């Protein structure tokens, strides 16, 4: 099946699944229809420089609207990990370029529950440095959230590179490491880490122009960065094309209804 055919098929599947989601009795009960049925992208706020690429998440949402049939809230939701509001955001986005202070025990528990019951966290190092202070702090804190799991490289044939577009590499504003890393639970990458400042490649100014110049001289790399961002969200929604993941926000807020999932305290 060719790329365009497969892409169109997935687009139709997502459109059809969105219709199923809105008709699903659990979703109707939980969400009360209306705006709550839209996908929310949550930007994690923390003590430190949490807003190093303030406009990148909005670019992701705009690209989703233009390129896919995903029904998404047009603005990112800024939320702290120790707030219950993270459970309304199946896809979380965190960036940084410097040290991050230790998060609270409530934040650790919330993130553990979020990831265990189907949420996804994308972490982006915007420092441009290998083994940066942000990277070390992120690994330290996620070590508390997932103490039995480790970051591992995601292979180039991982589902995140085929979730919507077929991609052969991970790009960003720069290439510190030509790969993504992830923390995996039950064959699902619950945390995806980019050391390459993907957010920098998506950052626009007030006039809608690209604010930062790509290190790469290949004009296609900006497009590849946009496509990777779209893939990240589609992967978080579908997870290897398992369409039942679309009702994830309900699962996050009502884990007791899903006894097949691990308890909230599981690593």
C-alpha atoms as a PDB file:
ATOM      1  CA  UNK A   1       0.000   0.000   0.000  1.00  0.00           C
ATOM      2  CA  UNK A   2       1.484   3.368  -0.991  1.00  0.00           C
ATOM      3  CA  UNK A   3       2.221   6.180   1.411  1.00  0.00           C
ATOM      4  CA  UNK A   4      -0.680   8.371   0.331  1.00  0.00           C
ATOM      5  CA  UNK A   5      -3.129   5.495   0.443  1.00  0.00           C
ATOM      6  CA  UNK A   6      -2.055   4.414   3.902  1.00  0.00           C
ATOM      7  CA  UNK A   7      -2.053   8.004   5.137  1.00  0.00           C
ATOM      8  CA  UNK A   8      -5.553   8.520   3.786  1.00  0.00           C
ATOM      9  CA  UNK A   9      -6.706   5.284   5.380  1.00  0.00           C
ATOM     10  CA  UNK A  10      -5.425   6.341   8.792  1.00  0.00           C
ATOM     11  CA  UNK A  11      -7.024   9.757   8.387  1.00  0.00           C
ATOM     12  CA  UNK A  12     -10.367   8.106   7.695  1.00  0.00           C
ATOM     13  CA  UNK A  13      -9.895   5.762  10.635  1.00  0.00           C
ATOM     14  CA  UNK A  14      -9.236   8.688  12.947  1.00  0.00           C
ATOM     15  CA  UNK A  15     -12.273  10.518  11.645  1.00  0.00           C
ATOM     16  CA  UNK A  16     -14.428   7.444  12.123  1.00  0.00           C
ATOM     17  CA  UNK A  17     -12.984   6.793  15.553  1.00  0.00           C
ATOM     18  CA  UNK A  18     -13.688  10.364  16.628  1.00  0.00           C
ATOM     19  CA  UNK A  19     -17.323   9.758  15.707  1.00  0.00           C
ATOM     20  CA  UNK A  20     -17.337   6.531  17.728  1.00  0.00           C
ATOM     21  CA  UNK A  21     -15.715   8.332  20.648  1.00  0.00           C
ATOM     22  CA  UNK A  22     -18.398  11.007  20.755  1.00  0.00           C
ATOM     23  CA  UNK A  23     -21.100   8.311  20.653  1.00  0.00           C
ATOM     24  CA  UNK A  24     -19.456   6.048  23.236  1.00  0.00           C
ATOM     25  CA  UNK A  25     -21.632   5.938  26.406  1.00  0.00           C
ATOM     26  CA  UNK A  26     -18.620   6.126  28.737  1.00  0.00           C
ATOM     27  CA  UNK A  27     -17.316   9.196  26.960  1.00  0.00           C
ATOM     28  CA  UNK A  28     -20.737  10.855  26.910  1.00  0.00           C
ATOM     29  CA  UNK A  29     -21.174  10.243  30.622  1.00  0.00           C
ATOM     30  CA  UNK A  30     -17.673  11.437  31.492  1.00  0.00           C
ATOM     31  CA  UNK A  31     -17.401  14.402  29.195  1.00  0.00           C
ATOM     32  CA  UNK A  32     -20.917  15.710  28.860  1.00  0.00           C
ATOM     33  CA  UNK A  33     -20.118  16.314  25.170  1.00  0.00           C
ATOM     34  CA  UNK A  34     -19.233  19.878  24.145  1.00  0.00           C
ATOM     35  CA  UNK A  35     -15.673  21.170  24.263  1.00  0.00           C
ATOM     36  CA  UNK A  36     -14.545  18.434  26.657  1.00  0.00           C
ATOM     37  CA  UNK A  37     -14.581  15.999  23.728  1.00  0.00           C
ATOM     38  CA  UNK A  38     -11.595  17.738  22.124  1.00  0.00           C
ATOM     39  CA  UNK A  39      -8.049  16.463  22.541  1.00  0.00           C
ATOM     40  CA  UNK A  40      -6.093  18.655  24.924  1.00  0.00           C
ATOM     41  CA  UNK A  41      -2.340  19.081  24.749  1.00  0.00           C
ATOM     42  CA  UNK A  42      -0.973  19.778  28.218  1.00  0.00           C
ATOM     43  CA  UNK A  43       2.205  21.827  28.661  1.00  0.00           C
ATOM     44  CA  UNK A  44       3.873  20.948  31.960  1.00  0.00           C
ATOM     45  CA  UNK A  45       4.791  23.873  34.181  1.00  0.00           C
ATOM     46  CA  UNK A  46       7.542  23.324  36.754  1.00  0.00           C
ATOM     47  CA  UNK A  47       9.998  25.277  38.860  1.00  0.00           C
ATOM     48  CA  UNK A  48      12.579  26.376  36.315  1.00  0.00           C
ATOM     49  CA  UNK A  49      12.573  27.500  32.682  1.00  0.00           C
ATOM     50  CA  UNK A  50       9.521  25.465  31.670  1.00  0.00           C
ATOM     51  CA  UNK A  51       8.505  27.838  28.861  1.00  0.00           C
ATOM     52  CA  UNK A  52      11.645  27.852  26.716  1.00  0.00           C
ATOM     53  CA  UNK A  53       9.661  27.423  23.457  1.00  0.00           C
ATOM     54  CA  UNK A  54       6.293  29.036  24.261  1.00  0.00           C
ATOM     55  CA  UNK A  55       4.717  28.879  20.794  1.00  0.00           C
ATOM     56  CA  UNK A  56       5.766  25.384  19.680  1.00  0.00           C
ATOM     57  CA  UNK A  57       2.809  23.495  21.229  1.00  0.00           C
ATOM     58  CA  UNK A  58       0.379  25.827  19.464  1.00  0.00           C
ATOM     59  CA  UNK A  59       2.135  25.057  16.183  1.00  0.00           C
ATOM     60  CA  UNK A  60       1.586  21.345  16.835  1.00  0.00           C
ATOM     61  CA  UNK A  61      -2.143  21.902  17.342  1.00  0.00           C
ATOM     62  CA  UNK A  62      -2.358  24.014  14.187  1.00  0.00           C
ATOM     63  CA  UNK A  63      -0.601  21.316  12.170  1.00  0.00           C
ATOM     64  CA  UNK A  64      -2.953  18.666  13.548  1.00  0.00           C
ATOM     65  CA  UNK A  65      -5.939  20.713  12.428  1.00  0.00           C
ATOM     66  CA  UNK A  66      -4.505  21.291   8.967  1.00  0.00           C
ATOM     67  CA  UNK A  67      -3.100  17.829   8.280  1.00  0.00           C
ATOM     68  CA  UNK A  68      -5.386  15.382  10.114  1.00  0.00           C
ATOM     69  CA  UNK A  69      -8.942  14.818  11.288  1.00  0.00           C
ATOM     70  CA  UNK A  70      -8.027  15.018  14.969  1.00  0.00           C
ATOM     71  CA  UNK A  71     -10.458  17.117  16.986  1.00  0.00           C
ATOM     72  CA  UNK A  72      -8.215  19.236  19.199  1.00  0.00           C
ATOM     73  CA  UNK A  73      -8.567  22.217  21.512  1.00  0.00           C
ATOM     74  CA  UNK A  74      -6.804  25.056  19.640  1.00  0.00           C
ATOM     75  CA  UNK A  75      -4.726  26.255  22.589  1.00  0.00           C
ATOM     76  CA  UNK A  76      -2.343  24.231  24.776  1.00  0.00           C
ATOM     77  CA  UNK A  77      -3.304  23.821  28.422  1.00  0.00           C
ATOM     78  CA  UNK A  78      -0.598  24.885  30.890  1.00  0.00           C
ATOM     79  CA  UNK A  79      -0.713  22.591  33.903  1.00  0.00           C
ATOM     80  CA  UNK A  80       1.527  21.497  36.779  1.00  0.00           C
ATOM     81  CA  UNK A  81       2.110  17.786  37.315  1.00  0.00           C
ATOM     82  CA  UNK A  82       0.689  17.919  40.845  1.00  0.00           C
ATOM     83  CA  UNK A  83      -2.685  19.177  39.553  1.00  0.00           C
ATOM     84  CA  UNK A  84      -5.616  16.906  38.729  1.00  0.00           C
ATOM     85  CA  UNK A  85      -5.991  18.775  35.430  1.00  0.00           C
ATOM     86  CA  UNK A  86      -3.238  16.671  33.864  1.00  0.00           C
ATOM     87  CA  UNK A  87      -5.754  13.819  33.633  1.00  0.00           C
ATOM     88  CA  UNK A  88      -7.733  15.822  31.099  1.00  0.00           C
ATOM     89  CA  UNK A  89      -4.644  16.032  28.875  1.00  0.00           C
ATOM     90  CA  UNK A  90      -3.737  12.603  27.459  1.00  0.00           C
ATOM     91  CA  UNK A  91      -0.692  14.102  25.721  1.00  0.00           C
ATOM     92  CA  UNK A  92       1.765  16.075  27.874  1.00  0.00           C
ATOM     93  CA  UNK A  93       4.600  18.238  26.542  1.00  0.00           C
ATOM     94  CA  UNK A  94       7.603  19.364  28.595  1.00  0.00           C
ATOM     95  CA  UNK A  95      10.620  21.395  27.458  1.00  0.00           C
ATOM     96  CA  UNK A  96      13.663  22.834  29.148  1.00  0.00           C
ATOM     97  CA  UNK A  97      17.207  24.039  28.699  1.00  0.00           C
ATOM     98  CA  UNK A  98      18.513  24.031  32.270  1.00  0.00           C
ATOM     99  CA  UNK A  99      18.247  22.357  35.664  1.00  0.00           C
ATOM    100  CA  UNK A 100      14.781  21.411  36.879  1.00  0.00           C
ATOM    101  CA  UNK A 101      14.015  21.325  40.597  1.00  0.00           C
ATOM    102  CA  UNK A 102      12.729  18.065  42.118  1.00  0.00           C
ATOM    103  CA  UNK A 103       8.990  17.658  41.694  1.00  0.00           C
ATOM    104  CA  UNK A 104       6.632  16.951  44.588  1.00  0.00           C
ATOM    105  CA  UNK A 105       5.495  13.495  45.659  1.00  0.00           C
ATOM    106  CA  UNK A 106       2.009  14.362  44.420  1.00  0.00           C
ATOM    107  CA  UNK A 107       3.463  15.188  41.012  1.00  0.00           C
ATOM    108  CA  UNK A 108       5.339  11.870  40.985  1.00  0.00           C
ATOM    109  CA  UNK A 109       2.133   9.972  41.802  1.00  0.00           C
ATOM    110  CA  UNK A 110       0.085  11.898  39.225  1.00  0.00           C
ATOM    111  CA  UNK A 111       2.605  11.289  36.464  1.00  0.00           C
ATOM    112  CA  UNK A 112       2.887   7.615  37.376  1.00  0.00           C
ATOM    113  CA  UNK A 113      -0.871   7.226  37.185  1.00  0.00           C
ATOM    114  CA  UNK A 114      -1.039   9.264  33.968  1.00  0.00           C
ATOM    115  CA  UNK A 115       1.533   7.089  32.205  1.00  0.00           C
ATOM    116  CA  UNK A 116       0.262   3.799  33.656  1.00  0.00           C
ATOM    117  CA  UNK A 117      -3.298   4.359  32.459  1.00  0.00           C
ATOM    118  CA  UNK A 118      -2.488   5.394  28.911  1.00  0.00           C
ATOM    119  CA  UNK A 119      -1.120   8.935  28.908  1.00  0.00           C
ATOM    120  CA  UNK A 120       1.987   9.965  26.980  1.00  0.00           C
ATOM    121  CA  UNK A 121       4.702  12.479  27.872  1.00  0.00           C
ATOM    122  CA  UNK A 122       6.899  14.090  25.236  1.00  0.00           C
ATOM    123  CA  UNK A 123      10.068  15.691  26.643  1.00  0.00           C
ATOM    124  CA  UNK A 124      12.216  17.999  24.544  1.00  0.00           C
ATOM    125  CA  UNK A 125      15.688  19.227  25.478  1.00  0.00           C
ATOM    126  CA  UNK A 126      16.027  22.705  23.981  1.00  0.00           C
ATOM    127  CA  UNK A 127      19.544  23.380  25.289  1.00  0.00           C
ATOM    128  CA  UNK A 128      21.409  22.079  22.257  1.00  0.00           C
ATOM    129  CA  UNK A 129      23.897  20.253  24.481  1.00  0.00           C
ATOM    130  CA  UNK A 130      24.484  16.566  25.000  1.00  0.00           C
ATOM    131  CA  UNK A 131      23.984  15.368  28.592  1.00  0.00           C
ATOM    132  CA  UNK A 132      22.578  18.762  29.541  1.00  0.00           C
ATOM    133  CA  UNK A 133      21.417  19.828  32.993  1.00  0.00           C
ATOM    134  CA  UNK A 134      17.814  19.522  31.813  1.00  0.00           C
ATOM    135  CA  UNK A 135      18.368  16.019  30.467  1.00  0.00           C
ATOM    136  CA  UNK A 136      19.956  14.870  33.722  1.00  0.00           C
ATOM    137  CA  UNK A 137      17.173  16.418  35.819  1.00  0.00           C
ATOM    138  CA  UNK A 138      14.470  14.928  33.597  1.00  0.00           C
ATOM    139  CA  UNK A 139      15.986  11.446  33.894  1.00  0.00           C
ATOM    140  CA  UNK A 140      16.301  11.866  37.650  1.00  0.00           C
ATOM    141  CA  UNK A 141      12.646  12.836  38.096  1.00  0.00           C
ATOM    142  CA  UNK A 142      11.292  10.222  35.717  1.00  0.00           C
ATOM    143  CA  UNK A 143      13.408   7.695  37.587  1.00  0.00           C
ATOM    144  CA  UNK A 144      11.193   8.495  40.561  1.00  0.00           C
ATOM    145  CA  UNK A 145       8.044   8.171  38.451  1.00  0.00           C
ATOM    146  CA  UNK A 146       9.090   4.913  36.757  1.00  0.00           C
ATOM    147  CA  UNK A 147      11.709   3.392  39.088  1.00  0.00           C
ATOM    148  CA  UNK A 148      11.840   0.029  37.301  1.00  0.00           C
ATOM    149  CA  UNK A 149      12.073   1.491  33.786  1.00  0.00           C
ATOM    150  CA  UNK A 150      14.944   3.047  31.866  1.00  0.00           C
ATOM    151  CA  UNK A 151      15.322   5.266  28.833  1.00  0.00           C
ATOM    152  CA  UNK A 152      16.176   3.275  25.725  1.00  0.00           C
ATOM    153  CA  UNK A 153      16.718   4.334  22.103  1.00  0.00           C
ATOM    154  CA  UNK A 154      13.633   3.996  19.917  1.00  0.00           C
ATOM    155  CA  UNK A 155      14.490   2.078  16.738  1.00  0.00           C
ATOM    156  CA  UNK A 156      13.933   3.723  13.379  1.00  0.00           C
ATOM    157  CA  UNK A 157      11.090   1.308  12.650  1.00  0.00           C
ATOM    158  CA  UNK A 158       9.267   2.210  15.874  1.00  0.00           C
ATOM    159  CA  UNK A 159       5.553   2.957  15.473  1.00  0.00           C
ATOM    160  CA  UNK A 160       6.093   6.641  16.336  1.00  0.00           C
ATOM    161  CA  UNK A 161       7.925   7.028  13.008  1.00  0.00           C
ATOM    162  CA  UNK A 162       4.963   5.510  11.148  1.00  0.00           C
ATOM    163  CA  UNK A 163       1.999   6.761  13.138  1.00  0.00           C
ATOM    164  CA  UNK A 164       0.855   9.130  10.363  1.00  0.00           C
ATOM    165  CA  UNK A 165       3.821  10.042   8.188  1.00  0.00           C
ATOM    166  CA  UNK A 166       6.551   7.573   7.289  1.00  0.00           C
ATOM    167  CA  UNK A 167       9.758   9.063   8.692  1.00  0.00           C
ATOM    168  CA  UNK A 168      13.301   7.742   8.557  1.00  0.00           C
ATOM    169  CA  UNK A 169      14.929   9.992  11.157  1.00  0.00           C
ATOM    170  CA  UNK A 170      14.320  12.254  14.127  1.00  0.00           C
ATOM    171  CA  UNK A 171      15.122  15.915  13.516  1.00  0.00           C
ATOM    172  CA  UNK A 172      14.885  19.153  15.427  1.00  0.00           C
ATOM    173  CA  UNK A 173      16.354  22.625  15.332  1.00  0.00           C
ATOM    174  CA  UNK A 174      19.676  20.816  15.642  1.00  0.00           C
ATOM    175  CA  UNK A 175      20.789  17.210  15.809  1.00  0.00           C
ATOM    176  CA  UNK A 176      22.494  16.471  19.114  1.00  0.00           C
ATOM    177  CA  UNK A 177      21.710  12.755  18.778  1.00  0.00           C
ATOM    178  CA  UNK A 178      20.116  11.313  15.620  1.00  0.00           C
ATOM    179  CA  UNK A 179      17.489   9.369  17.563  1.00  0.00           C
ATOM    180  CA  UNK A 180      14.655   9.531  20.053  1.00  0.00           C
ATOM    181  CA  UNK A 181      14.658   7.773  23.401  1.00  0.00           C
ATOM    182  CA  UNK A 182      11.734   6.396  25.327  1.00  0.00           C
ATOM    183  CA  UNK A 183      10.450   4.692  28.438  1.00  0.00           C
ATOM    184  CA  UNK A 184       8.284   1.739  27.467  1.00  0.00           C
ATOM    185  CA  UNK A 185       5.466   0.007  29.322  1.00  0.00           C
ATOM    186  CA  UNK A 186       3.726  -3.004  27.782  1.00  0.00           C
ATOM    187  CA  UNK A 187       5.211  -2.241  24.342  1.00  0.00           C
ATOM    188  CA  UNK A 188       3.981   1.355  24.548  1.00  0.00           C
ATOM    189  CA  UNK A 189       6.404   4.275  24.698  1.00  0.00           C
ATOM    190  CA  UNK A 190       4.862   6.265  27.530  1.00  0.00           C
ATOM    191  CA  UNK A 191       7.709   8.803  27.570  1.00  0.00           C
ATOM    192  CA  UNK A 192       9.387   9.997  24.377  1.00  0.00           C
ATOM    193  CA  UNK A 193      12.505  12.146  24.681  1.00  0.00           C
ATOM    194  CA  UNK A 194      14.115  14.303  21.992  1.00  0.00           C
ATOM    195  CA  UNK A 195      17.571  15.796  22.640  1.00  0.00           C
ATOM    196  CA  UNK A 196      17.336  17.784  19.400  1.00  0.00           C
ATOM    197  CA  UNK A 197      15.136  20.793  20.254  1.00  0.00           C
ATOM    198  CA  UNK A 198      12.171  19.714  18.159  1.00  0.00           C
ATOM    199  CA  UNK A 199      10.260  22.586  19.743  1.00  0.00           C
ATOM    200  CA  UNK A 200      12.782  25.083  18.379  1.00  0.00           C
ATOM    201  CA  UNK A 201      12.002  23.928  14.851  1.00  0.00           C
ATOM    202  CA  UNK A 202       8.295  24.575  15.535  1.00  0.00           C
ATOM    203  CA  UNK A 203       8.663  27.961  17.227  1.00  0.00           C
ATOM    204  CA  UNK A 204       6.947  30.826  15.404  1.00  0.00           C
ATOM    205  CA  UNK A 205       6.993  34.552  16.156  1.00  0.00           C
ATOM    206  CA  UNK A 206       3.945  36.773  16.611  1.00  0.00           C
ATOM    207  CA  UNK A 207       3.687  37.178  12.838  1.00  0.00           C
ATOM    208  CA  UNK A 208       3.641  33.442  12.201  1.00  0.00           C
ATOM    209  CA  UNK A 209       7.176  33.278  10.824  1.00  0.00           C
ATOM    210  CA  UNK A 210       9.768  30.776  11.966  1.00  0.00           C
ATOM    211  CA  UNK A 211      11.627  32.387  14.845  1.00  0.00           C
ATOM    212  CA  UNK A 212      14.770  30.236  14.806  1.00  0.00           C
ATOM    213  CA  UNK A 213      16.996  29.063  11.974  1.00  0.00           C
ATOM    214  CA  UNK A 214      17.549  25.347  11.557  1.00  0.00           C
ATOM    215  CA  UNK A 215      21.136  24.148  11.929  1.00  0.00           C
ATOM    216  CA  UNK A 216      20.579  21.807   9.010  1.00  0.00           C
ATOM    217  CA  UNK A 217      20.948  23.253   5.522  1.00  0.00           C
ATOM    218  CA  UNK A 218      18.414  20.746   4.187  1.00  0.00           C
ATOM    219  CA  UNK A 219      15.179  22.683   3.549  1.00  0.00           C
ATOM    220  CA  UNK A 220      13.175  19.486   4.054  1.00  0.00           C
ATOM    221  CA  UNK A 221      14.174  19.150   7.696  1.00  0.00           C
ATOM    222  CA  UNK A 222      11.689  21.778   8.894  1.00  0.00           C
ATOM    223  CA  UNK A 223       8.935  19.808   7.200  1.00  0.00           C
ATOM    224  CA  UNK A 224      10.226  16.603   8.775  1.00  0.00           C
ATOM    225  CA  UNK A 225      10.115  18.262  12.192  1.00  0.00           C
ATOM    226  CA  UNK A 226       6.483  19.255  11.662  1.00  0.00           C
ATOM    227  CA  UNK A 227       5.639  15.741  10.568  1.00  0.00           C
ATOM    228  CA  UNK A 228       7.380  14.239  13.587  1.00  0.00           C
ATOM    229  CA  UNK A 229       5.322  16.467  15.886  1.00  0.00           C
ATOM    230  CA  UNK A 230       2.120  15.266  14.222  1.00  0.00           C
ATOM    231  CA  UNK A 231       3.284  11.660  14.524  1.00  0.00           C
ATOM    232  CA  UNK A 232       3.900  12.073  18.248  1.00  0.00           C
ATOM    233  CA  UNK A 233       0.301  13.071  18.912  1.00  0.00           C
ATOM    234  CA  UNK A 234      -1.166  10.445  16.585  1.00  0.00           C
ATOM    235  CA  UNK A 235       0.996   7.799  18.254  1.00  0.00           C
ATOM    236  CA  UNK A 236      -0.210   8.916  21.680  1.00  0.00           C
ATOM    237  CA  UNK A 237      -3.819   8.631  20.503  1.00  0.00           C
ATOM    238  CA  UNK A 238      -3.646   5.345  18.644  1.00  0.00           C
ATOM    239  CA  UNK A 239      -0.591   3.433  19.945  1.00  0.00           C
ATOM    240  CA  UNK A 240       0.279   1.022  17.147  1.00  0.00           C
ATOM    241  CA  UNK A 241      -3.116   1.712  15.533  1.00  0.00           C
ATOM    242  CA  UNK A 242      -5.077   0.417  18.556  1.00  0.00           C
ATOM    243  CA  UNK A 243      -8.011   2.759  18.140  1.00  0.00           C
ATOM    244  CA  UNK A 244      -9.490   2.088  21.589  1.00  0.00           C
ATOM    245  CA  UNK A 245      -6.823   4.431  22.955  1.00  0.00           C
ATOM    246  CA  UNK A 246      -8.851   7.423  21.765  1.00  0.00           C
ATOM    247  CA  UNK A 247     -10.964   7.363  24.972  1.00  0.00           C
ATOM    248  CA  UNK A 248      -7.816   7.684  27.064  1.00  0.00           C
ATOM    249  CA  UNK A 249      -8.867  10.843  28.932  1.00  0.00           C
ATOM    250  CA  UNK A 250     -11.749   8.901  30.457  1.00  0.00           C
ATOM    251  CA  UNK A 251      -9.385   6.073  31.477  1.00  0.00           C
ATOM    252  CA  UNK A 252      -7.048   8.555  33.124  1.00  0.00           C
ATOM    253  CA  UNK A 253      -9.794   9.983  35.309  1.00  0.00           C
ATOM    254  CA  UNK A 254     -11.549   6.666  36.044  1.00  0.00           C
ATOM    255  CA  UNK A 255      -8.844   3.973  36.380  1.00  0.00           C
ATOM    256  CA  UNK A 256     -10.994   1.808  38.687  1.00  0.00           C
ATOM    257  CA  UNK A 257     -13.241   0.976  35.720  1.00  0.00           C
ATOM    258  CA  UNK A 258     -10.313  -0.720  33.951  1.00  0.00           C
ATOM    259  CA  UNK A 259      -9.193  -3.630  36.155  1.00  0.00           C
ATOM    260  CA  UNK A 260      -6.901  -4.980  33.441  1.00  0.00           C
ATOM    261  CA  UNK A 261      -4.599  -1.979  33.931  1.00  0.00           C
ATOM    262  CA  UNK A 262      -1.906  -1.938  36.663  1.00  0.00           C
ATOM    263  CA  UNK A 263      -2.731  -0.065  39.886  1.00  0.00           C
ATOM    264  CA  UNK A 264      -1.867   3.614  40.045  1.00  0.00           C
ATOM    265  CA  UNK A 265       1.158   2.944  42.221  1.00  0.00           C
ATOM    266  CA  UNK A 266       2.750   0.538  39.744  1.00  0.00           C
ATOM    267  CA  UNK A 267       6.053   1.665  38.176  1.00  0.00           C
END
